[in-house]
């Protein structure tokens, strides 16, 4: 039975395999859907429940139950009533915009000072002042008139906003002096009776400076000067400069063009006695790149000048460097710096008479220039409000102005005051100057201040000739000190000190009837010059002040310029009144 079933199973399996090897054709059939499919979504069942909100504003708050129990305490403490502390009222000084001072002293010293500073509005301010200081009595045992005085009138206007600033000024000054520095007594009675040493130097100027903060044109400056004297000298000078600047982040590119025109007329030349005229023009431009912020500051550029005039036939175009480097390390009070540049100076009768008021109105004028100047030093902040600076300097100067006494060259028929060996001519040698300069300035807590400067110079005369063997009237050592001290709320003290070391002066020893150009040139040494001035001011009240002024307190018989003995000590006492002026 089992054998039969096995045989049957094998036969069926064999038939299935055979049938699977044959190809089967599937016929195409059509299916027709008699009803379309329509899907439906059953409605969801929502759970309906109310959210419970716990609100402290609407919920009922139970009244707290407070239990207070009294316990007796044994104490001897008896508190006192508090008293408010009184405010300390500090005295305030009323401020005034005007002043008037009048003072008198020996040598008939007359002091007159008036000034006002009035604000037109928040942007504009007008200032004016009038000042007169005169010594109206001659020096004892003087040969001729020595009286001198200074008169100054100034009016200025300032306008300032966050975009621009302008300052304009008109100034008139007259300095009355005399050529009293005679090397010897005038023995001729006719000459002595016709000798008039009075010299009145008149200076008039108009200046205007404009600055802009948010423009390429940063500013411009226009200055005009007119100078005259008692000997028919006339001089006009006009200078103009502007500043253009482009900013590239922290780096600036700046260009400064400038023009200076000078015309001077002297009534006569000292030697030829004919009218002398001079025309000089200087135009130039400075171009430099600079960085003015941060611990490392610099300026690198070049200056160029073009000269026109009577004495520039050979060379009239000059180029000078313009380099400045400053470095201030972090957490350091020392800032080393290096300056390397050159510069032109326009010498005029105005500028030279400011230096030496006894210069003759019959001189030759030349511009001075320094091809290079080197200054190396450090600036340091010692304490709050106190600064110290020192530097080594080395510079080469061409046409450096030096003063030398003119010799006697007068005419009986034409007596001119400055031709008696009592005036100065100007020489223009080339020299190298080197030395050390130190400055100290500070501010005291009570409002006082202090300034001190000391300099040492070494000179090397480059173009020695028979006319000049040494530098003239230039000291090796110079000191200057000024300080203002507040002794109390009502007392102020000012001190000024000036020291000029020994100098060398030159003059011609002219004999009667000798040609001045053939006369021998002699040299003399001038003793050190020391000047000490002081001023004490006592405030009576807000409006009235008393002042005591002292000049040349050393009271020495000394000379700043050869043969010109300065006035002895002058003591002046005056009264000052403060008030308000309004428009």
Protein backbone atom coordinates (compact mmCIF):
# COMPACT_ATOMS: atom_id res chain seq x y z
CA UNK A 1 0.00 0.00 0.00
CA UNK A 2 2.76 2.36 0.89
CA UNK A 3 4.57 1.52 -2.32
CA UNK A 4 1.52 2.43 -4.39
CA UNK A 5 1.16 5.77 -2.68
CA UNK A 6 4.82 6.62 -3.27
CA UNK A 7 4.58 5.71 -6.97
CA UNK A 8 1.46 7.86 -7.34
CA UNK A 9 3.22 10.84 -5.67
CA UNK A 10 6.22 10.61 -8.01
CA UNK A 11 4.00 10.48 -11.11
CA UNK A 12 2.08 13.60 -10.05
CA UNK A 13 5.29 15.52 -9.35
CA UNK A 14 6.73 14.57 -12.74
CA UNK A 15 3.55 15.75 -14.52
CA UNK A 16 3.72 19.14 -12.79
CA UNK A 17 7.31 19.69 -13.85
CA UNK A 18 6.54 18.82 -17.43
CA UNK A 19 3.59 21.12 -17.54
CA UNK A 20 5.60 24.09 -16.16
CA UNK A 21 8.04 23.84 -19.05
CA UNK A 22 5.28 24.54 -21.58
CA UNK A 23 4.27 28.17 -22.63
CA UNK A 24 0.85 29.27 -21.50
CA UNK A 25 -1.16 31.89 -23.39
CA UNK A 26 -3.24 34.29 -21.24
CA UNK A 27 -6.30 35.70 -22.94
CA UNK A 28 -7.30 39.41 -22.71
CA UNK A 29 -10.44 39.96 -20.60
CA UNK A 30 -12.52 43.01 -19.79
CA UNK A 31 -13.77 43.94 -16.33
CA UNK A 32 -16.71 46.28 -15.98
CA UNK A 33 -17.27 48.19 -12.71
CA UNK A 34 -20.96 48.75 -12.26
CA UNK A 35 -20.71 50.96 -9.08
CA UNK A 36 -18.14 53.83 -8.26
CA UNK A 37 -16.23 53.94 -5.00
CA UNK A 38 -17.33 56.76 -2.60
CA UNK A 39 -15.02 57.07 0.46
CA UNK A 40 -16.45 58.50 3.69
CA UNK A 41 -14.85 59.91 6.85
CA UNK A 42 -16.64 59.24 10.05
CA UNK A 43 -17.34 62.20 12.41
CA UNK A 44 -14.85 62.37 15.28
CA UNK A 45 -16.18 62.25 18.74
CA UNK A 46 -15.08 65.30 20.83
CA UNK A 47 -14.42 65.07 24.48
CA UNK A 48 -16.37 67.82 26.21
CA UNK A 49 -14.61 69.01 29.41
CA UNK A 50 -14.25 72.36 31.21
CA UNK A 51 -10.71 73.57 32.09
CA UNK A 52 -10.32 74.66 35.64
CA UNK A 53 -8.35 77.96 36.08
CA UNK A 54 -6.93 78.92 39.41
CA UNK A 55 -7.06 82.75 39.58
CA UNK A 56 -5.74 84.44 42.72
CA UNK A 57 -7.68 87.59 41.86
CA UNK A 58 -11.04 85.91 41.85
CA UNK A 59 -10.42 83.26 44.46
CA UNK A 60 -11.36 83.99 47.98
CA UNK A 61 -8.46 84.66 50.27
CA UNK A 62 -8.73 83.63 53.81
CA UNK A 63 -7.98 86.27 56.44
CA UNK A 64 -4.69 85.58 58.15
CA UNK A 65 -4.69 85.06 61.82
CA UNK A 66 -2.05 87.17 63.60
CA UNK A 67 -1.11 86.62 67.19
CA UNK A 68 0.70 89.45 69.04
CA UNK A 69 2.08 88.93 72.48
CA UNK A 70 3.52 91.74 74.58
CA UNK A 71 6.73 91.08 76.44
CA UNK A 72 8.11 93.69 78.83
CA UNK A 73 11.74 94.80 78.11
CA UNK A 74 13.96 96.55 80.59
CA UNK A 75 16.02 99.27 78.73
CA UNK A 76 17.63 102.59 79.56
CA UNK A 77 17.98 103.67 75.87
CA UNK A 78 16.48 107.12 75.22
CA UNK A 79 16.62 108.05 71.52
CA UNK A 80 17.19 111.71 70.67
CA UNK A 81 15.50 113.62 67.88
CA UNK A 82 17.40 113.75 64.59
CA UNK A 83 18.57 117.13 63.25
CA UNK A 84 19.16 117.71 59.51
CA UNK A 85 22.72 118.60 58.48
CA UNK A 86 23.16 122.09 57.16
CA UNK A 87 24.40 122.45 53.59
CA UNK A 88 27.77 124.18 53.26
CA UNK A 89 27.42 127.20 51.02
CA UNK A 90 30.67 127.88 49.20
CA UNK A 91 31.44 131.45 48.21
CA UNK A 92 31.04 131.96 44.48
CA UNK A 93 32.90 134.52 42.43
CA UNK A 94 30.70 136.49 40.15
CA UNK A 95 31.91 136.47 36.58
CA UNK A 96 32.12 139.65 34.52
CA UNK A 97 32.86 140.11 30.84
CA UNK A 98 34.81 143.39 31.10
CA UNK A 99 37.68 144.97 33.00
CA UNK A 100 39.33 148.33 33.44
CA UNK A 101 42.70 148.82 35.15
CA UNK A 102 44.73 151.92 35.88
CA UNK A 103 48.21 151.99 37.41
CA UNK A 104 51.10 154.39 38.13
CA UNK A 105 54.73 153.86 39.03
CA UNK A 106 58.21 155.30 39.06
CA UNK A 107 59.76 156.71 35.86
CA UNK A 108 56.23 158.07 35.31
CA UNK A 109 55.04 154.63 34.40
CA UNK A 110 51.43 154.77 33.22
CA UNK A 111 49.39 151.59 32.77
CA UNK A 112 45.97 151.58 31.12
CA UNK A 113 44.11 148.35 30.41
CA UNK A 114 40.55 147.93 29.17
CA UNK A 115 38.98 144.81 27.66
CA UNK A 116 35.63 143.13 27.06
CA UNK A 117 34.46 139.72 25.89
CA UNK A 118 30.78 139.74 24.91
CA UNK A 119 28.74 136.78 23.71
CA UNK A 120 26.34 137.74 20.94
CA UNK A 121 24.66 134.34 21.12
CA UNK A 122 25.62 130.73 21.79
CA UNK A 123 27.76 130.68 18.65
CA UNK A 124 29.34 134.11 18.41
CA UNK A 125 31.70 136.04 20.61
CA UNK A 126 33.24 139.50 20.19
CA UNK A 127 36.38 140.57 22.06
CA UNK A 128 38.17 143.89 22.17
CA UNK A 129 40.86 145.39 24.32
CA UNK A 130 42.95 148.54 24.61
CA UNK A 131 46.31 148.53 26.34
CA UNK A 132 48.87 151.24 27.06
CA UNK A 133 52.14 150.89 28.98
CA UNK A 134 54.51 153.82 28.95
CA UNK A 135 57.73 154.91 30.66
CA UNK A 136 57.43 158.68 30.33
CA UNK A 137 60.62 159.66 32.20
CA UNK A 138 64.17 159.28 30.92
CA UNK A 139 66.74 156.94 32.41
CA UNK A 140 68.99 158.72 34.88
CA UNK A 141 72.14 160.24 33.31
CA UNK A 142 70.93 159.42 29.80
CA UNK A 143 72.47 161.35 26.90
CA UNK A 144 69.25 161.69 24.90
CA UNK A 145 65.54 160.97 25.15
CA UNK A 146 64.92 157.37 26.30
CA UNK A 147 61.15 157.45 26.82
CA UNK A 148 59.24 154.49 25.40
CA UNK A 149 55.68 153.20 25.30
CA UNK A 150 53.43 150.52 23.82
CA UNK A 151 49.88 151.08 22.61
CA UNK A 152 47.74 148.18 21.40
CA UNK A 153 44.15 148.08 20.12
CA UNK A 154 42.59 144.76 19.19
CA UNK A 155 39.12 143.71 17.97
CA UNK A 156 38.25 140.09 17.22
CA UNK A 157 35.20 137.98 16.35
CA UNK A 158 34.77 134.24 16.78
CA UNK A 159 32.02 132.03 15.38
CA UNK A 160 31.80 128.35 16.26
CA UNK A 161 29.44 125.49 15.44
CA UNK A 162 29.74 121.72 15.18
CA UNK A 163 30.51 122.14 11.45
CA UNK A 164 32.87 125.11 11.24
CA UNK A 165 34.87 127.66 13.20
CA UNK A 166 36.05 131.11 12.20
CA UNK A 167 38.26 133.71 13.83
CA UNK A 168 38.82 137.23 12.49
CA UNK A 169 40.93 139.96 14.04
CA UNK A 170 41.99 143.57 13.51
CA UNK A 171 45.06 144.72 15.40
CA UNK A 172 46.75 148.10 15.68
CA UNK A 173 50.00 148.54 17.61
CA UNK A 174 52.39 151.44 17.96
CA UNK A 175 55.73 151.13 19.73
CA UNK A 176 57.37 154.40 20.66
CA UNK A 177 61.08 154.23 21.35
CA UNK A 178 64.30 156.07 20.58
CA UNK A 179 67.78 155.36 19.21
CA UNK A 180 69.37 156.32 22.53
CA UNK A 181 72.15 153.69 22.43
CA UNK A 182 74.94 156.10 21.47
CA UNK A 183 78.46 154.64 21.76
CA UNK A 184 79.82 158.10 22.66
CA UNK A 185 78.66 161.58 23.57
CA UNK A 186 77.68 163.95 20.77
CA UNK A 187 80.12 166.79 21.29
CA UNK A 188 79.00 169.01 18.44
CA UNK A 189 76.38 171.44 19.77
CA UNK A 190 74.70 171.85 16.38
CA UNK A 191 74.32 168.10 15.94
CA UNK A 192 73.17 167.61 19.53
CA UNK A 193 70.49 170.30 19.18
CA UNK A 194 69.17 168.82 15.89
CA UNK A 195 69.38 165.19 16.94
CA UNK A 196 65.91 163.60 17.19
CA UNK A 197 66.17 159.93 18.25
CA UNK A 198 62.43 159.20 18.36
CA UNK A 199 61.30 156.14 16.42
CA UNK A 200 57.61 155.18 16.17
CA UNK A 201 57.02 151.70 14.82
CA UNK A 202 53.43 151.24 13.61
CA UNK A 203 51.96 147.80 12.95
CA UNK A 204 48.51 147.16 11.49
CA UNK A 205 47.19 143.71 10.67
CA UNK A 206 43.99 141.97 9.53
CA UNK A 207 43.74 138.21 9.96
CA UNK A 208 41.00 135.70 9.22
CA UNK A 209 41.12 131.96 9.90
CA UNK A 210 38.37 129.50 8.87
CA UNK A 211 38.08 125.80 9.69
CA UNK A 212 35.59 123.16 8.55
CA UNK A 213 35.20 119.71 10.13
CA UNK A 214 33.22 117.69 7.59
CA UNK A 215 34.65 118.85 4.27
CA UNK A 216 37.59 118.12 2.04
CA UNK A 217 38.56 121.78 2.45
CA UNK A 218 39.54 121.86 6.12
CA UNK A 219 40.32 125.55 6.27
CA UNK A 220 42.06 128.60 4.96
CA UNK A 221 43.92 131.56 6.45
CA UNK A 222 44.37 135.10 5.11
CA UNK A 223 46.76 137.57 6.79
CA UNK A 224 47.55 141.12 5.78
CA UNK A 225 50.21 143.32 7.45
CA UNK A 226 51.14 146.97 7.11
CA UNK A 227 54.25 148.41 8.79
CA UNK A 228 55.51 152.01 8.93
CA UNK A 229 57.92 154.09 11.00
CA UNK A 230 59.13 157.65 11.57
CA UNK A 231 61.67 157.44 8.72
CA UNK A 232 59.20 156.93 5.83
CA UNK A 233 59.51 153.16 5.80
CA UNK A 234 56.53 151.42 4.22
CA UNK A 235 55.95 147.70 4.06
CA UNK A 236 53.04 145.54 2.88
CA UNK A 237 52.81 141.80 3.36
CA UNK A 238 50.03 139.38 2.36
CA UNK A 239 50.00 135.68 3.09
CA UNK A 240 47.43 133.03 2.19
CA UNK A 241 47.22 129.33 2.99
CA UNK A 242 44.58 126.62 2.79
CA UNK A 243 44.26 122.98 3.83
CA UNK A 244 42.77 120.05 1.90
CA UNK A 245 42.41 116.64 3.49
CA UNK A 246 41.11 113.24 2.39
CA UNK A 247 40.44 110.56 4.98
CA UNK A 248 41.09 106.88 4.23
CA UNK A 249 40.11 105.25 7.49
CA UNK A 250 42.78 106.19 10.06
CA UNK A 251 45.13 107.51 7.32
CA UNK A 252 44.87 111.11 6.09
CA UNK A 253 46.20 112.65 2.89
CA UNK A 254 46.75 116.40 3.30
CA UNK A 255 47.81 119.20 0.95
CA UNK A 256 48.58 122.75 2.18
CA UNK A 257 49.27 125.37 -0.50
CA UNK A 258 50.58 128.77 0.64
CA UNK A 259 51.52 132.13 -0.88
CA UNK A 260 53.46 135.05 0.62
CA UNK A 261 54.05 138.41 -1.07
CA UNK A 262 56.25 141.12 0.47
CA UNK A 263 56.98 144.67 -0.73
CA UNK A 264 59.23 146.96 1.33
CA UNK A 265 60.34 150.50 0.66
CA UNK A 266 63.09 152.22 2.65
CA UNK A 267 63.71 155.90 2.17
CA UNK A 268 67.41 155.25 1.66
CA UNK A 269 69.99 152.51 1.76
CA UNK A 270 72.49 152.87 4.58
CA UNK A 271 75.56 152.91 2.34
CA UNK A 272 74.30 154.33 -0.97
CA UNK A 273 71.78 156.76 0.56
CA UNK A 274 69.35 156.12 -2.30
CA UNK A 275 65.83 154.72 -2.03
CA UNK A 276 65.71 150.97 -1.54
CA UNK A 277 62.83 148.79 -2.70
CA UNK A 278 62.37 145.07 -2.32
CA UNK A 279 59.86 142.66 -3.78
CA UNK A 280 59.74 139.03 -2.68
CA UNK A 281 57.25 136.27 -3.35
CA UNK A 282 57.19 132.76 -1.94
CA UNK A 283 54.71 130.10 -3.07
CA UNK A 284 54.76 126.53 -1.89
CA UNK A 285 52.80 123.41 -1.15
CA UNK A 286 53.13 120.72 1.50
CA UNK A 287 51.81 117.23 0.78
CA UNK A 288 51.90 114.54 3.42
CA UNK A 289 50.18 111.41 4.64
CA UNK A 290 49.50 111.15 8.35
CA UNK A 291 48.00 109.03 11.09
CA UNK A 292 46.93 111.03 14.14
CA UNK A 293 45.27 108.40 16.34
CA UNK A 294 46.54 105.38 18.19
CA UNK A 295 49.80 104.67 19.95
CA UNK A 296 51.75 105.04 16.69
CA UNK A 297 51.44 108.44 14.95
CA UNK A 298 53.29 109.57 11.87
CA UNK A 299 53.50 112.07 9.06
CA UNK A 300 55.44 111.51 5.84
CA UNK A 301 55.54 114.12 3.13
CA UNK A 302 57.44 116.71 1.14
CA UNK A 303 57.47 120.51 0.91
CA UNK A 304 58.22 122.50 -2.20
CA UNK A 305 58.80 126.26 -2.53
CA UNK A 306 59.09 128.56 -5.53
CA UNK A 307 60.77 131.94 -4.97
CA UNK A 308 60.35 135.05 -7.09
CA UNK A 309 61.95 138.40 -6.52
CA UNK A 310 65.11 140.45 -6.85
CA UNK A 311 67.71 138.07 -5.37
CA UNK A 312 66.70 134.68 -6.83
CA UNK A 313 68.37 134.60 -10.24
CA UNK A 314 70.42 131.43 -9.65
CA UNK A 315 68.05 129.09 -7.83
CA UNK A 316 64.40 129.56 -7.01
CA UNK A 317 62.96 126.05 -6.53
CA UNK A 318 63.48 124.13 -3.28
CA UNK A 319 62.34 120.78 -1.85
CA UNK A 320 62.32 119.86 1.84
CA UNK A 321 61.33 116.70 3.76
CA UNK A 322 58.40 116.61 6.16
CA UNK A 323 58.59 113.64 8.56
CA UNK A 324 57.14 113.21 12.03
CA UNK A 325 57.03 109.97 14.03
CA UNK A 326 55.62 109.50 17.54
CA UNK A 327 55.23 106.26 19.46
CA UNK A 328 53.53 105.88 22.83
CA UNK A 329 53.55 102.32 24.19
CA UNK A 330 50.62 101.07 26.20
CA UNK A 331 50.86 101.48 29.97
CA UNK A 332 53.79 103.87 29.54
CA UNK A 333 54.19 107.57 30.31
CA UNK A 334 56.98 108.04 27.79
CA UNK A 335 56.40 108.88 24.13
CA UNK A 336 59.54 109.13 21.95
CA UNK A 337 59.30 111.28 18.82
CA UNK A 338 61.34 112.19 15.75
CA UNK A 339 60.91 115.26 13.53
CA UNK A 340 62.79 115.68 10.28
CA UNK A 341 61.72 118.59 8.09
CA UNK A 342 62.69 121.86 6.43
CA UNK A 343 61.11 125.27 6.24
CA UNK A 344 61.22 128.72 4.65
CA UNK A 345 61.05 131.96 6.65
CA UNK A 346 60.12 135.30 5.15
CA UNK A 347 62.25 137.97 6.82
CA UNK A 348 60.61 141.38 6.77
CA UNK A 349 61.12 144.68 8.50
CA UNK A 350 58.11 143.77 10.65
CA UNK A 351 59.51 140.44 11.87
CA UNK A 352 63.08 141.72 12.38
CA UNK A 353 61.93 144.81 14.31
CA UNK A 354 59.96 142.53 16.63
CA UNK A 355 63.22 140.75 17.46
CA UNK A 356 65.39 143.87 17.63
CA UNK A 357 63.46 147.17 17.82
CA UNK A 358 66.69 149.09 17.19
CA UNK A 359 67.26 147.68 13.70
CA UNK A 360 67.89 150.46 11.20
CA UNK A 361 65.16 151.23 8.64
CA UNK A 362 67.82 150.83 5.96
CA UNK A 363 68.59 147.12 5.85
CA UNK A 364 68.65 144.40 3.25
CA UNK A 365 65.99 141.70 3.40
CA UNK A 366 66.43 138.09 2.40
CA UNK A 367 64.35 134.99 3.16
CA UNK A 368 65.85 132.32 5.39
CA UNK A 369 65.44 128.63 4.87
CA UNK A 370 66.45 125.44 6.60
CA UNK A 371 67.00 122.50 4.23
CA UNK A 372 66.71 120.09 7.16
CA UNK A 373 65.94 120.19 10.86
CA UNK A 374 66.25 117.15 13.09
CA UNK A 375 64.59 116.90 16.48
CA UNK A 376 64.76 113.72 18.56
CA UNK A 377 63.36 113.42 22.07
CA UNK A 378 60.61 112.16 24.36
CA UNK A 379 57.43 113.47 25.92
CA UNK A 380 56.36 112.13 29.27
CA UNK A 381 53.43 112.56 31.62
CA UNK A 382 54.84 112.74 35.14
CA UNK A 383 51.59 113.31 37.03
CA UNK A 384 48.09 114.56 36.44
CA UNK A 385 48.48 117.92 34.72
CA UNK A 386 52.30 117.71 34.60
CA UNK A 387 54.32 117.09 31.44
CA UNK A 388 58.01 116.97 30.68
CA UNK A 389 59.71 117.07 27.29
CA UNK A 390 63.30 117.04 26.18
CA UNK A 391 64.82 116.86 22.74
CA UNK A 392 68.10 117.00 20.90
CA UNK A 393 68.09 119.26 17.83
CA UNK A 394 70.35 119.68 14.84
CA UNK A 395 69.57 122.09 12.01
CA UNK A 396 71.23 123.77 9.09
CA UNK A 397 70.11 127.32 8.24
CA UNK A 398 70.94 129.47 5.26
CA UNK A 399 70.54 133.24 5.48
CA UNK A 400 70.23 133.13 9.24
CA UNK A 401 69.56 136.78 10.32
CA UNK A 402 72.17 138.21 12.71
CA UNK A 403 72.41 141.74 14.05
CA UNK A 404 75.55 143.89 14.07
CA UNK A 405 75.99 147.53 14.95
CA UNK A 406 76.14 149.92 12.03
CA UNK A 407 79.10 152.25 12.14
CA UNK A 408 78.93 156.04 12.32
CA UNK A 409 77.91 157.47 8.97
CA UNK A 410 76.18 160.81 9.39
CA UNK A 411 76.04 164.02 7.42
CA UNK A 412 76.03 167.43 9.10
CA UNK A 413 73.51 168.70 6.58
CA UNK A 414 71.27 165.67 6.90
CA UNK A 415 71.19 164.43 10.49
CA UNK A 416 69.43 161.06 10.78
CA UNK A 417 69.09 159.54 14.23
CA UNK A 418 70.11 155.95 13.42
CA UNK A 419 73.44 156.87 11.74
CA UNK A 420 75.48 157.47 14.90
CA UNK A 421 76.56 153.89 15.57
CA UNK A 422 73.31 153.34 17.48
CA UNK A 423 71.41 151.04 15.09
CA UNK A 424 71.83 147.52 13.77
CA UNK A 425 72.29 146.06 10.35
CA UNK A 426 71.35 142.48 9.42
CA UNK A 427 73.79 139.86 8.13
CA UNK A 428 72.71 136.56 6.57
CA UNK A 429 75.34 133.84 7.12
CA UNK A 430 74.83 130.07 7.02
CA UNK A 431 75.20 128.22 10.33
CA UNK A 432 74.66 124.80 11.89
CA UNK A 433 72.94 124.85 15.27
CA UNK A 434 72.77 121.91 17.65
CA UNK A 435 71.91 121.46 21.28
CA UNK A 436 69.44 120.25 23.88
CA UNK A 437 66.08 121.72 24.88
CA UNK A 438 63.97 120.78 27.93
CA UNK A 439 60.45 121.88 28.91
CA UNK A 440 58.40 121.36 32.05
CA UNK A 441 54.83 122.53 32.48
CA UNK A 442 52.20 121.74 35.01
CA UNK A 443 48.94 122.78 36.63
CA UNK A 444 48.38 122.93 40.38
CA UNK A 445 45.21 121.69 42.03
CA UNK A 446 44.20 125.19 43.11
CA UNK A 447 44.37 126.51 39.55
CA UNK A 448 47.98 127.71 39.44
CA UNK A 449 50.38 126.84 36.66
CA UNK A 450 54.12 126.58 35.98
CA UNK A 451 56.22 126.68 32.80
CA UNK A 452 59.96 126.19 32.59
CA UNK A 453 62.25 125.94 29.57
CA UNK A 454 66.02 125.54 29.33
CA UNK A 455 68.12 125.41 26.16
CA UNK A 456 71.76 124.87 25.29
CA UNK A 457 73.05 125.88 21.83
CA UNK A 458 76.21 125.11 19.91
CA UNK A 459 76.87 127.08 16.72
CA UNK A 460 79.09 126.36 13.75
CA UNK A 461 79.57 129.24 11.30
CA UNK A 462 79.78 127.72 7.83
CA UNK A 463 80.72 130.66 5.60
CA UNK A 464 83.44 132.49 7.52
CA UNK A 465 84.71 135.62 5.83
CA UNK A 466 86.57 138.80 6.80
CA UNK A 467 83.21 140.40 7.60
CA UNK A 468 82.15 137.77 10.11
CA UNK A 469 84.17 135.38 12.27
CA UNK A 470 81.65 134.48 15.00
CA UNK A 471 77.91 134.18 15.44
CA UNK A 472 76.43 137.44 16.72
CA UNK A 473 73.98 138.08 19.56
CA UNK A 474 73.11 134.39 19.94
CA UNK A 475 73.49 132.92 23.46
CA UNK A 476 74.72 129.45 24.32
CA UNK A 477 72.36 129.16 27.30
CA UNK A 478 68.85 130.50 27.74
CA UNK A 479 66.35 129.97 30.58
CA UNK A 480 62.74 131.00 30.91
CA UNK A 481 60.38 130.50 33.82
CA UNK A 482 56.87 131.77 34.52
CA UNK A 483 54.42 130.73 37.19
CA UNK A 484 51.04 131.74 38.56
CA UNK A 485 50.29 130.81 42.17
CA UNK A 486 47.05 131.10 44.07
CA UNK A 487 48.08 132.01 47.60
CA UNK A 488 44.49 132.20 48.85
CA UNK A 489 41.04 132.87 47.48
CA UNK A 490 41.93 136.55 47.22
CA UNK A 491 45.69 136.66 46.54
CA UNK A 492 47.38 135.70 43.27
CA UNK A 493 51.10 135.85 42.60
CA UNK A 494 52.84 135.80 39.20
CA UNK A 495 56.57 135.41 38.62
CA UNK A 496 58.51 135.69 35.36
CA UNK A 497 62.22 134.93 34.95
CA UNK A 498 64.34 135.24 31.81
CA UNK A 499 68.05 134.49 31.53
CA UNK A 500 70.17 134.99 28.42
CA UNK A 501 73.81 133.87 28.54
CA UNK A 502 76.83 135.71 27.20
CA UNK A 503 76.72 136.85 23.58
CA UNK A 504 79.17 138.23 21.05
CA UNK A 505 78.50 141.52 19.33
CA UNK A 506 80.33 143.15 16.42
CA UNK A 507 80.71 146.78 15.39
CA UNK A 508 82.83 148.99 13.15
CA UNK A 509 85.28 151.44 14.71
CA UNK A 510 84.91 154.41 12.40
CA UNK A 511 87.25 157.37 12.74
CA UNK A 512 86.40 160.86 11.65
CA UNK A 513 86.56 161.15 7.86
CA UNK A 514 87.19 157.41 7.37
CA UNK A 515 85.24 155.36 4.85
CA UNK A 516 82.88 153.14 6.79
CA UNK A 517 83.54 150.12 4.58
CA UNK A 518 87.29 150.39 5.28
CA UNK A 519 86.94 150.72 9.05
CA UNK A 520 88.08 147.79 11.20
CA UNK A 521 85.55 145.29 12.55
CA UNK A 522 85.77 144.76 16.30
CA UNK A 523 84.10 142.26 18.62
CA UNK A 524 82.80 142.61 22.16
CA UNK A 525 81.28 140.24 24.72
CA UNK A 526 77.95 141.12 26.32
CA UNK A 527 77.39 140.01 29.91
CA UNK A 528 74.53 137.65 30.75
CA UNK A 529 71.13 139.31 30.88
CA UNK A 530 68.67 138.51 33.67
CA UNK A 531 65.14 139.83 33.93
CA UNK A 532 62.80 139.15 36.85
CA UNK A 533 59.22 140.44 36.80
CA UNK A 534 56.53 139.88 39.42
CA UNK A 535 52.87 140.75 39.86
CA UNK A 536 50.73 140.52 43.01
CA UNK A 537 46.96 140.77 42.79
CA UNK A 538 44.61 141.14 45.76
CA UNK A 539 40.85 140.83 45.31
CA UNK A 540 38.92 143.26 47.49
CA UNK A 541 35.53 141.94 46.35
CA UNK A 542 33.92 140.59 43.19
CA UNK A 543 34.41 143.86 41.32
CA UNK A 544 37.51 145.55 42.72
CA UNK A 545 41.13 144.33 42.71
CA UNK A 546 44.45 145.90 43.69
CA UNK A 547 47.64 144.97 41.86
CA UNK A 548 51.33 145.62 42.43
CA UNK A 549 53.68 145.14 39.48
CA UNK A 550 57.46 144.98 39.49
CA UNK A 551 59.75 144.91 36.42
CA UNK A 552 63.49 144.24 36.24
CA UNK A 553 63.67 143.55 39.97
CA UNK A 554 67.38 142.73 39.72
CA UNK A 555 67.96 146.48 39.24
CA UNK A 556 71.22 145.83 37.41
CA UNK A 557 72.99 148.04 34.95
CA UNK A 558 72.65 145.60 32.07
CA UNK A 559 72.24 145.54 28.31
CA UNK A 560 70.22 143.20 26.15
CA UNK A 561 71.44 144.95 22.97
CA UNK A 562 74.80 146.69 22.82
CA UNK A 563 74.78 150.31 24.17
CA UNK A 564 71.09 150.06 25.10
CA UNK A 565 70.93 150.11 28.86
CA UNK A 566 67.56 148.86 30.06
CA UNK A 567 65.43 150.71 32.57
CA UNK A 568 66.18 149.99 36.25
CA UNK A 569 63.52 148.51 38.54
CA UNK A 570 59.98 149.76 37.95
CA UNK A 571 57.33 149.45 40.64
CA UNK A 572 53.72 150.23 39.77
CA UNK A 573 50.57 150.21 41.88
CA UNK A 574 47.12 150.06 40.34
CA UNK A 575 43.41 149.38 40.71
CA UNK A 576 41.26 147.08 38.59
CA UNK A 577 37.47 147.19 38.20
CA UNK A 578 35.35 144.33 36.77
CA UNK A 579 31.96 144.99 35.19
CA UNK A 580 29.53 143.81 32.51
CA UNK A 581 28.92 145.12 29.01
CA UNK A 582 25.93 144.01 26.93
CA UNK A 583 24.33 144.96 23.63
